[in-house]
């Protein structure tokens, strides 16, 4: 199984429009971050997690031509804003979208023409499914778990030996139970200081020490995090993500 980090940036991406900070002006390619999203591949099966506003760019950059399913962590715009671009990936088939119940009405509101046919020119290309605790997409087993994201819920996912937790500032005992034994954990780390809705550096490290994955990868990083700087701070087995990073899992 291969996981590709399509984007590891915060809600505004990096660089941020109009910002002249050191990170936003950096020439280091690893400081250029699209909005957070990953692609899971196993055999011929491709599963996308979130449809960021940068989906068009991400798909073109990585030669993504088709999908077998899309998972939605929650309905914030930096995670679903690119849903309209899915119509270019349907290849005359309907793509299943697995989304939390609380996000389904929002998705239908912002992209109604993708879910129900209003005109012969726009055939249905997406089918909504309520997110379940455990389900299969072809040969990929997926477990979902609830995360706290400020005052709303987001969902994390486990794909065998790999787990993904973006947009989270609190994890409950069930989440830690599902994460137990995971080999690779891609986990939220927005910045170094307090955030009301995201995990920050110190807390993320505490979570990693508790879960004890063989490898941890920090994601959803704002422009306050410089790639080279954080690399010097991180202990062995923990690293910062960068757009285009590919992680291979041998299960």
C-alpha atoms as a PDB file:
ATOM      1  CA  UNK A   1       0.000   0.000   0.000  1.00  0.00           C
ATOM      2  CA  UNK A   2       1.230   3.500  -0.839  1.00  0.00           C
ATOM      3  CA  UNK A   3       0.102   6.781   0.700  1.00  0.00           C
ATOM      4  CA  UNK A   4       0.871  10.004  -1.160  1.00  0.00           C
ATOM      5  CA  UNK A   5       0.684  13.310   0.686  1.00  0.00           C
ATOM      6  CA  UNK A   6      -1.142  15.475  -1.853  1.00  0.00           C
ATOM      7  CA  UNK A   7      -1.173  18.445   0.496  1.00  0.00           C
ATOM      8  CA  UNK A   8       0.021  19.058   4.045  1.00  0.00           C
ATOM      9  CA  UNK A   9      -0.834  22.736   4.540  1.00  0.00           C
ATOM     10  CA  UNK A  10      -3.272  24.565   6.766  1.00  0.00           C
ATOM     11  CA  UNK A  11      -6.566  26.044   5.638  1.00  0.00           C
ATOM     12  CA  UNK A  12      -4.886  28.868   3.692  1.00  0.00           C
ATOM     13  CA  UNK A  13      -2.070  26.766   2.277  1.00  0.00           C
ATOM     14  CA  UNK A  14       1.540  27.937   2.238  1.00  0.00           C
ATOM     15  CA  UNK A  15       2.487  30.520   1.092  1.00  0.00           C
ATOM     16  CA  UNK A  16      -0.497  32.498   2.327  1.00  0.00           C
ATOM     17  CA  UNK A  17      -1.869  35.201   0.034  1.00  0.00           C
ATOM     18  CA  UNK A  18      -0.362  38.559   0.943  1.00  0.00           C
ATOM     19  CA  UNK A  19       2.059  37.219   3.573  1.00  0.00           C
ATOM     20  CA  UNK A  20       5.734  38.150   3.483  1.00  0.00           C
ATOM     21  CA  UNK A  21       6.970  36.009   6.380  1.00  0.00           C
ATOM     22  CA  UNK A  22      10.167  33.958   6.060  1.00  0.00           C
ATOM     23  CA  UNK A  23       8.308  30.695   5.359  1.00  0.00           C
ATOM     24  CA  UNK A  24       5.943  32.193   2.802  1.00  0.00           C
ATOM     25  CA  UNK A  25       8.918  33.740   0.986  1.00  0.00           C
ATOM     26  CA  UNK A  26      11.003  30.563   1.269  1.00  0.00           C
ATOM     27  CA  UNK A  27      12.420  28.983  -1.889  1.00  0.00           C
ATOM     28  CA  UNK A  28      12.443  25.545  -0.229  1.00  0.00           C
ATOM     29  CA  UNK A  29       9.938  23.369  -2.137  1.00  0.00           C
ATOM     30  CA  UNK A  30       9.051  21.617   1.130  1.00  0.00           C
ATOM     31  CA  UNK A  31       7.640  24.904   2.420  1.00  0.00           C
ATOM     32  CA  UNK A  32       5.114  25.016  -0.454  1.00  0.00           C
ATOM     33  CA  UNK A  33       2.005  23.337   0.946  1.00  0.00           C
ATOM     34  CA  UNK A  34      -1.335  22.714  -0.713  1.00  0.00           C
ATOM     35  CA  UNK A  35      -4.409  22.148   1.442  1.00  0.00           C
ATOM     36  CA  UNK A  36      -4.423  18.834   3.323  1.00  0.00           C
ATOM     37  CA  UNK A  37      -5.303  15.648   1.433  1.00  0.00           C
ATOM     38  CA  UNK A  38      -3.879  12.159   0.913  1.00  0.00           C
ATOM     39  CA  UNK A  39      -4.211   9.413  -1.689  1.00  0.00           C
ATOM     40  CA  UNK A  40      -4.196   5.741  -0.651  1.00  0.00           C
ATOM     41  CA  UNK A  41      -3.306   3.141  -3.298  1.00  0.00           C
ATOM     42  CA  UNK A  42      -3.327  -0.628  -3.025  1.00  0.00           C
ATOM     43  CA  UNK A  43      -3.069  -2.635  -6.214  1.00  0.00           C
ATOM     44  CA  UNK A  44      -5.393  -0.898  -8.664  1.00  0.00           C
ATOM     45  CA  UNK A  45      -7.555   0.672  -5.953  1.00  0.00           C
ATOM     46  CA  UNK A  46      -7.277   4.411  -5.309  1.00  0.00           C
ATOM     47  CA  UNK A  47      -8.956   6.140  -2.363  1.00  0.00           C
ATOM     48  CA  UNK A  48      -8.803   9.912  -1.904  1.00  0.00           C
ATOM     49  CA  UNK A  49      -9.179  11.497   1.528  1.00  0.00           C
ATOM     50  CA  UNK A  50     -10.784  14.951   1.232  1.00  0.00           C
ATOM     51  CA  UNK A  51     -11.307  17.103  -1.842  1.00  0.00           C
ATOM     52  CA  UNK A  52      -9.237  20.162  -1.089  1.00  0.00           C
ATOM     53  CA  UNK A  53      -9.581  23.424  -3.058  1.00  0.00           C
ATOM     54  CA  UNK A  54      -6.252  22.406  -4.632  1.00  0.00           C
ATOM     55  CA  UNK A  55      -7.578  19.091  -6.008  1.00  0.00           C
ATOM     56  CA  UNK A  56      -7.192  20.085  -9.665  1.00  0.00           C
ATOM     57  CA  UNK A  57      -3.539  20.985  -9.159  1.00  0.00           C
ATOM     58  CA  UNK A  58      -2.939  17.902  -6.989  1.00  0.00           C
ATOM     59  CA  UNK A  59      -4.493  15.509  -9.527  1.00  0.00           C
ATOM     60  CA  UNK A  60      -2.526  16.974 -12.431  1.00  0.00           C
ATOM     61  CA  UNK A  61       0.733  17.001 -10.473  1.00  0.00           C
ATOM     62  CA  UNK A  62       0.407  13.332  -9.535  1.00  0.00           C
ATOM     63  CA  UNK A  63      -1.134  11.979 -12.731  1.00  0.00           C
ATOM     64  CA  UNK A  64      -4.365  11.046 -10.961  1.00  0.00           C
ATOM     65  CA  UNK A  65      -6.853   9.899 -13.606  1.00  0.00           C
ATOM     66  CA  UNK A  66      -9.483   7.904 -11.690  1.00  0.00           C
ATOM     67  CA  UNK A  67     -10.728   7.086  -8.202  1.00  0.00           C
ATOM     68  CA  UNK A  68     -12.542   4.190  -6.557  1.00  0.00           C
ATOM     69  CA  UNK A  69     -13.792   6.162  -3.545  1.00  0.00           C
ATOM     70  CA  UNK A  70     -13.494   9.433  -1.666  1.00  0.00           C
ATOM     71  CA  UNK A  71     -13.511   9.810   2.121  1.00  0.00           C
ATOM     72  CA  UNK A  72     -14.511  13.076   3.783  1.00  0.00           C
ATOM     73  CA  UNK A  73     -13.078  13.949   7.199  1.00  0.00           C
ATOM     74  CA  UNK A  74     -15.467  16.880   7.756  1.00  0.00           C
ATOM     75  CA  UNK A  75     -17.182  19.623   5.780  1.00  0.00           C
ATOM     76  CA  UNK A  76     -14.847  22.595   6.218  1.00  0.00           C
ATOM     77  CA  UNK A  77     -14.085  24.327   2.939  1.00  0.00           C
ATOM     78  CA  UNK A  78     -10.360  23.548   2.935  1.00  0.00           C
ATOM     79  CA  UNK A  79     -11.318  19.855   2.901  1.00  0.00           C
ATOM     80  CA  UNK A  80     -14.278  19.785   0.517  1.00  0.00           C
ATOM     81  CA  UNK A  81     -13.842  22.899  -1.646  1.00  0.00           C
ATOM     82  CA  UNK A  82     -12.508  20.908  -4.594  1.00  0.00           C
ATOM     83  CA  UNK A  83     -15.432  18.498  -4.813  1.00  0.00           C
ATOM     84  CA  UNK A  84     -16.473  19.961  -8.190  1.00  0.00           C
ATOM     85  CA  UNK A  85     -13.249  18.673  -9.752  1.00  0.00           C
ATOM     86  CA  UNK A  86     -14.272  15.075  -9.063  1.00  0.00           C
ATOM     87  CA  UNK A  87     -16.455  15.145 -12.164  1.00  0.00           C
ATOM     88  CA  UNK A  88     -13.256  14.997 -14.239  1.00  0.00           C
ATOM     89  CA  UNK A  89     -12.226  11.786 -12.470  1.00  0.00           C
ATOM     90  CA  UNK A  90     -15.418   9.778 -12.797  1.00  0.00           C
ATOM     91  CA  UNK A  91     -14.563   8.237 -16.202  1.00  0.00           C
ATOM     92  CA  UNK A  92     -18.256   7.521 -16.914  1.00  0.00           C
ATOM     93  CA  UNK A  93     -18.770   5.811 -13.551  1.00  0.00           C
ATOM     94  CA  UNK A  94     -20.217   6.961 -10.247  1.00  0.00           C
ATOM     95  CA  UNK A  95     -17.665   7.523  -7.492  1.00  0.00           C
ATOM     96  CA  UNK A  96     -18.825   6.632  -3.962  1.00  0.00           C
ATOM     97  CA  UNK A  97     -18.322   9.403  -1.400  1.00  0.00           C
ATOM     98  CA  UNK A  98     -18.154   8.278   2.239  1.00  0.00           C
ATOM     99  CA  UNK A  99     -18.990  11.242   4.443  1.00  0.00           C
ATOM    100  CA  UNK A 100     -20.164  11.896   8.019  1.00  0.00           C
ATOM    101  CA  UNK A 101     -23.925  12.283   8.281  1.00  0.00           C
ATOM    102  CA  UNK A 102     -23.520  15.891   9.417  1.00  0.00           C
ATOM    103  CA  UNK A 103     -21.556  16.712   6.242  1.00  0.00           C
ATOM    104  CA  UNK A 104     -23.877  15.108   3.692  1.00  0.00           C
ATOM    105  CA  UNK A 105     -26.407  17.949   3.425  1.00  0.00           C
ATOM    106  CA  UNK A 106     -23.601  20.474   3.014  1.00  0.00           C
ATOM    107  CA  UNK A 107     -21.993  18.496   0.188  1.00  0.00           C
ATOM    108  CA  UNK A 108     -25.318  18.207  -1.618  1.00  0.00           C
ATOM    109  CA  UNK A 109     -25.906  21.931  -1.168  1.00  0.00           C
ATOM    110  CA  UNK A 110     -22.585  23.047  -2.656  1.00  0.00           C
ATOM    111  CA  UNK A 111     -22.467  20.448  -5.473  1.00  0.00           C
ATOM    112  CA  UNK A 112     -26.078  19.323  -5.986  1.00  0.00           C
ATOM    113  CA  UNK A 113     -25.624  18.698  -9.714  1.00  0.00           C
ATOM    114  CA  UNK A 114     -23.022  15.998  -9.003  1.00  0.00           C
ATOM    115  CA  UNK A 115     -25.429  13.954  -6.866  1.00  0.00           C
ATOM    116  CA  UNK A 116     -28.734  14.245  -8.741  1.00  0.00           C
ATOM    117  CA  UNK A 117     -29.430  14.838 -12.379  1.00  0.00           C
ATOM    118  CA  UNK A 118     -30.963  18.253 -13.043  1.00  0.00           C
ATOM    119  CA  UNK A 119     -30.018  18.373 -16.721  1.00  0.00           C
ATOM    120  CA  UNK A 120     -29.065  15.887 -19.421  1.00  0.00           C
ATOM    121  CA  UNK A 121     -25.793  17.773 -19.727  1.00  0.00           C
ATOM    122  CA  UNK A 122     -24.794  16.938 -16.152  1.00  0.00           C
ATOM    123  CA  UNK A 123     -25.130  13.202 -15.412  1.00  0.00           C
ATOM    124  CA  UNK A 124     -24.879  11.992 -11.819  1.00  0.00           C
ATOM    125  CA  UNK A 125     -21.253  11.170 -11.037  1.00  0.00           C
ATOM    126  CA  UNK A 126     -21.127  10.935  -7.226  1.00  0.00           C
ATOM    127  CA  UNK A 127     -23.063   8.776  -4.781  1.00  0.00           C
ATOM    128  CA  UNK A 128     -23.160   9.636  -1.081  1.00  0.00           C
ATOM    129  CA  UNK A 129     -22.759   6.974   1.605  1.00  0.00           C
ATOM    130  CA  UNK A 130     -22.890   7.632   5.327  1.00  0.00           C
ATOM    131  CA  UNK A 131     -19.529   6.979   6.924  1.00  0.00           C
ATOM    132  CA  UNK A 132     -19.459   3.723   8.887  1.00  0.00           C
ATOM    133  CA  UNK A 133     -17.121   2.522  11.630  1.00  0.00           C
ATOM    134  CA  UNK A 134     -15.605  -0.092   9.332  1.00  0.00           C
ATOM    135  CA  UNK A 135     -16.029  -0.787   5.618  1.00  0.00           C
ATOM    136  CA  UNK A 136     -14.267  -2.077   2.527  1.00  0.00           C
ATOM    137  CA  UNK A 137     -13.360  -0.287  -0.688  1.00  0.00           C
ATOM    138  CA  UNK A 138     -12.355  -3.160  -2.958  1.00  0.00           C
ATOM    139  CA  UNK A 139      -9.393  -4.686  -1.097  1.00  0.00           C
ATOM    140  CA  UNK A 140      -8.771  -1.775   1.292  1.00  0.00           C
ATOM    141  CA  UNK A 141     -10.247  -2.133   4.792  1.00  0.00           C
ATOM    142  CA  UNK A 142     -11.029   1.242   6.355  1.00  0.00           C
ATOM    143  CA  UNK A 143     -11.786   2.085   9.976  1.00  0.00           C
ATOM    144  CA  UNK A 144     -13.106   5.512  10.908  1.00  0.00           C
ATOM    145  CA  UNK A 145     -13.022   7.183  14.307  1.00  0.00           C
ATOM    146  CA  UNK A 146     -14.381  10.420  15.743  1.00  0.00           C
ATOM    147  CA  UNK A 147     -12.020  13.280  16.577  1.00  0.00           C
ATOM    148  CA  UNK A 148     -12.726  16.616  18.253  1.00  0.00           C
ATOM    149  CA  UNK A 149     -11.946  19.626  16.064  1.00  0.00           C
ATOM    150  CA  UNK A 150     -12.792  22.578  18.257  1.00  0.00           C
ATOM    151  CA  UNK A 151     -16.592  22.671  18.528  1.00  0.00           C
ATOM    152  CA  UNK A 152     -17.170  20.226  15.647  1.00  0.00           C
ATOM    153  CA  UNK A 153     -16.305  16.626  14.838  1.00  0.00           C
ATOM    154  CA  UNK A 154     -13.862  15.416  12.264  1.00  0.00           C
ATOM    155  CA  UNK A 155     -13.019  11.814  11.402  1.00  0.00           C
ATOM    156  CA  UNK A 156      -9.726   9.994  11.346  1.00  0.00           C
ATOM    157  CA  UNK A 157      -9.085   6.877   9.284  1.00  0.00           C
ATOM    158  CA  UNK A 158      -7.026   3.733   9.653  1.00  0.00           C
ATOM    159  CA  UNK A 159      -5.971   1.770   6.577  1.00  0.00           C
ATOM    160  CA  UNK A 160      -4.352  -1.351   7.958  1.00  0.00           C
ATOM    161  CA  UNK A 161      -0.954  -0.277   9.303  1.00  0.00           C
ATOM    162  CA  UNK A 162      -1.394   3.404   8.375  1.00  0.00           C
ATOM    163  CA  UNK A 163      -3.607   5.989  10.063  1.00  0.00           C
ATOM    164  CA  UNK A 164      -4.528   9.586   9.193  1.00  0.00           C
ATOM    165  CA  UNK A 165      -5.615  12.210  11.725  1.00  0.00           C
ATOM    166  CA  UNK A 166      -5.981  15.734  10.417  1.00  0.00           C
ATOM    167  CA  UNK A 167      -7.978  18.629  11.914  1.00  0.00           C
ATOM    168  CA  UNK A 168      -8.055  17.421  15.493  1.00  0.00           C
ATOM    169  CA  UNK A 169      -7.286  18.892  18.901  1.00  0.00           C
ATOM    170  CA  UNK A 170      -8.672  16.122  21.139  1.00  0.00           C
ATOM    171  CA  UNK A 171      -8.729  12.329  20.803  1.00  0.00           C
ATOM    172  CA  UNK A 172     -10.901  10.059  22.929  1.00  0.00           C
ATOM    173  CA  UNK A 173     -10.141   6.575  24.273  1.00  0.00           C
ATOM    174  CA  UNK A 174     -11.824   4.876  21.297  1.00  0.00           C
ATOM    175  CA  UNK A 175      -9.570   6.754  18.869  1.00  0.00           C
ATOM    176  CA  UNK A 176      -6.472   5.688  20.783  1.00  0.00           C
ATOM    177  CA  UNK A 177      -7.758   2.099  20.847  1.00  0.00           C
ATOM    178  CA  UNK A 178      -8.138   2.069  17.041  1.00  0.00           C
ATOM    179  CA  UNK A 179      -4.695   3.658  16.643  1.00  0.00           C
ATOM    180  CA  UNK A 180      -3.046   0.995  18.783  1.00  0.00           C
ATOM    181  CA  UNK A 181      -0.421  -0.957  16.852  1.00  0.00           C
ATOM    182  CA  UNK A 182      -0.393   1.335  13.810  1.00  0.00           C
ATOM    183  CA  UNK A 183       2.998   1.470  12.051  1.00  0.00           C
ATOM    184  CA  UNK A 184       2.656   4.880  10.379  1.00  0.00           C
ATOM    185  CA  UNK A 185       0.556   7.751  11.726  1.00  0.00           C
ATOM    186  CA  UNK A 186       0.043  10.973   9.758  1.00  0.00           C
ATOM    187  CA  UNK A 187      -1.150  13.471  12.349  1.00  0.00           C
ATOM    188  CA  UNK A 188      -2.189  17.113  12.716  1.00  0.00           C
ATOM    189  CA  UNK A 189       0.385  19.672  13.880  1.00  0.00           C
ATOM    190  CA  UNK A 190      -0.748  23.167  12.948  1.00  0.00           C
ATOM    191  CA  UNK A 191       1.896  25.231  14.730  1.00  0.00           C
ATOM    192  CA  UNK A 192       3.987  25.546  17.912  1.00  0.00           C
ATOM    193  CA  UNK A 193       1.612  27.538  20.124  1.00  0.00           C
ATOM    194  CA  UNK A 194      -2.028  27.227  21.210  1.00  0.00           C
ATOM    195  CA  UNK A 195      -4.849  26.627  18.736  1.00  0.00           C
ATOM    196  CA  UNK A 196      -8.554  26.241  19.580  1.00  0.00           C
ATOM    197  CA  UNK A 197      -9.183  23.654  16.866  1.00  0.00           C
ATOM    198  CA  UNK A 198      -5.913  21.913  15.970  1.00  0.00           C
ATOM    199  CA  UNK A 199      -3.199  19.969  17.697  1.00  0.00           C
ATOM    200  CA  UNK A 200       0.071  21.808  18.243  1.00  0.00           C
ATOM    201  CA  UNK A 201       3.681  20.641  18.402  1.00  0.00           C
ATOM    202  CA  UNK A 202       3.931  19.627  22.070  1.00  0.00           C
ATOM    203  CA  UNK A 203       0.568  17.859  22.180  1.00  0.00           C
ATOM    204  CA  UNK A 204       1.172  16.040  18.890  1.00  0.00           C
ATOM    205  CA  UNK A 205       4.472  14.681  20.232  1.00  0.00           C
ATOM    206  CA  UNK A 206       2.695  13.529  23.395  1.00  0.00           C
ATOM    207  CA  UNK A 207       0.124  11.664  21.284  1.00  0.00           C
ATOM    208  CA  UNK A 208       2.864  10.048  19.201  1.00  0.00           C
ATOM    209  CA  UNK A 209       4.693   8.849  22.318  1.00  0.00           C
ATOM    210  CA  UNK A 210       1.412   7.340  23.525  1.00  0.00           C
ATOM    211  CA  UNK A 211       0.515   5.576  20.252  1.00  0.00           C
ATOM    212  CA  UNK A 212       4.132   4.531  19.565  1.00  0.00           C
ATOM    213  CA  UNK A 213       4.007   4.159  15.762  1.00  0.00           C
ATOM    214  CA  UNK A 214       7.195   3.115  14.003  1.00  0.00           C
ATOM    215  CA  UNK A 215       6.974   6.316  11.991  1.00  0.00           C
ATOM    216  CA  UNK A 216       4.990   9.524  12.542  1.00  0.00           C
ATOM    217  CA  UNK A 217       4.461  12.261   9.957  1.00  0.00           C
ATOM    218  CA  UNK A 218       3.219  15.758  10.860  1.00  0.00           C
ATOM    219  CA  UNK A 219       0.640  17.372   8.569  1.00  0.00           C
ATOM    220  CA  UNK A 220      -1.756  20.347   8.245  1.00  0.00           C
ATOM    221  CA  UNK A 221       1.125  22.702   9.014  1.00  0.00           C
ATOM    222  CA  UNK A 222       0.691  26.463   8.851  1.00  0.00           C
ATOM    223  CA  UNK A 223       3.188  29.030   7.583  1.00  0.00           C
ATOM    224  CA  UNK A 224       4.540  29.280  11.136  1.00  0.00           C
ATOM    225  CA  UNK A 225       6.390  26.001  10.608  1.00  0.00           C
ATOM    226  CA  UNK A 226       9.566  26.022   8.539  1.00  0.00           C
ATOM    227  CA  UNK A 227      10.447  22.572   7.197  1.00  0.00           C
ATOM    228  CA  UNK A 228      14.184  22.721   7.910  1.00  0.00           C
ATOM    229  CA  UNK A 229      13.657  24.237  11.351  1.00  0.00           C
ATOM    230  CA  UNK A 230      11.172  21.626  12.547  1.00  0.00           C
ATOM    231  CA  UNK A 231      13.329  18.825  11.094  1.00  0.00           C
ATOM    232  CA  UNK A 232      16.059  19.812  13.553  1.00  0.00           C
ATOM    233  CA  UNK A 233      13.631  19.629  16.490  1.00  0.00           C
ATOM    234  CA  UNK A 234      12.064  16.267  15.738  1.00  0.00           C
ATOM    235  CA  UNK A 235      13.406  13.046  17.262  1.00  0.00           C
ATOM    236  CA  UNK A 236      14.129   9.921  15.234  1.00  0.00           C
ATOM    237  CA  UNK A 237      10.996   8.323  13.788  1.00  0.00           C
ATOM    238  CA  UNK A 238       9.068  11.604  13.561  1.00  0.00           C
ATOM    239  CA  UNK A 239       9.194  13.879  10.515  1.00  0.00           C
ATOM    240  CA  UNK A 240       7.328  16.708   8.862  1.00  0.00           C
ATOM    241  CA  UNK A 241       5.292  15.938   5.756  1.00  0.00           C
ATOM    242  CA  UNK A 242       5.849  17.664   2.436  1.00  0.00           C
ATOM    243  CA  UNK A 243       3.684  17.746  -0.660  1.00  0.00           C
ATOM    244  CA  UNK A 244       4.431  14.754  -2.853  1.00  0.00           C
ATOM    245  CA  UNK A 245       5.811  12.607  -0.027  1.00  0.00           C
ATOM    246  CA  UNK A 246       5.178   8.910  -0.701  1.00  0.00           C
ATOM    247  CA  UNK A 247       4.923   6.434   2.154  1.00  0.00           C
ATOM    248  CA  UNK A 248       5.015   2.713   1.413  1.00  0.00           C
ATOM    249  CA  UNK A 249       3.495   0.265   3.867  1.00  0.00           C
ATOM    250  CA  UNK A 250       4.401  -3.407   3.665  1.00  0.00           C
ATOM    251  CA  UNK A 251       1.631  -5.218   5.531  1.00  0.00           C
END
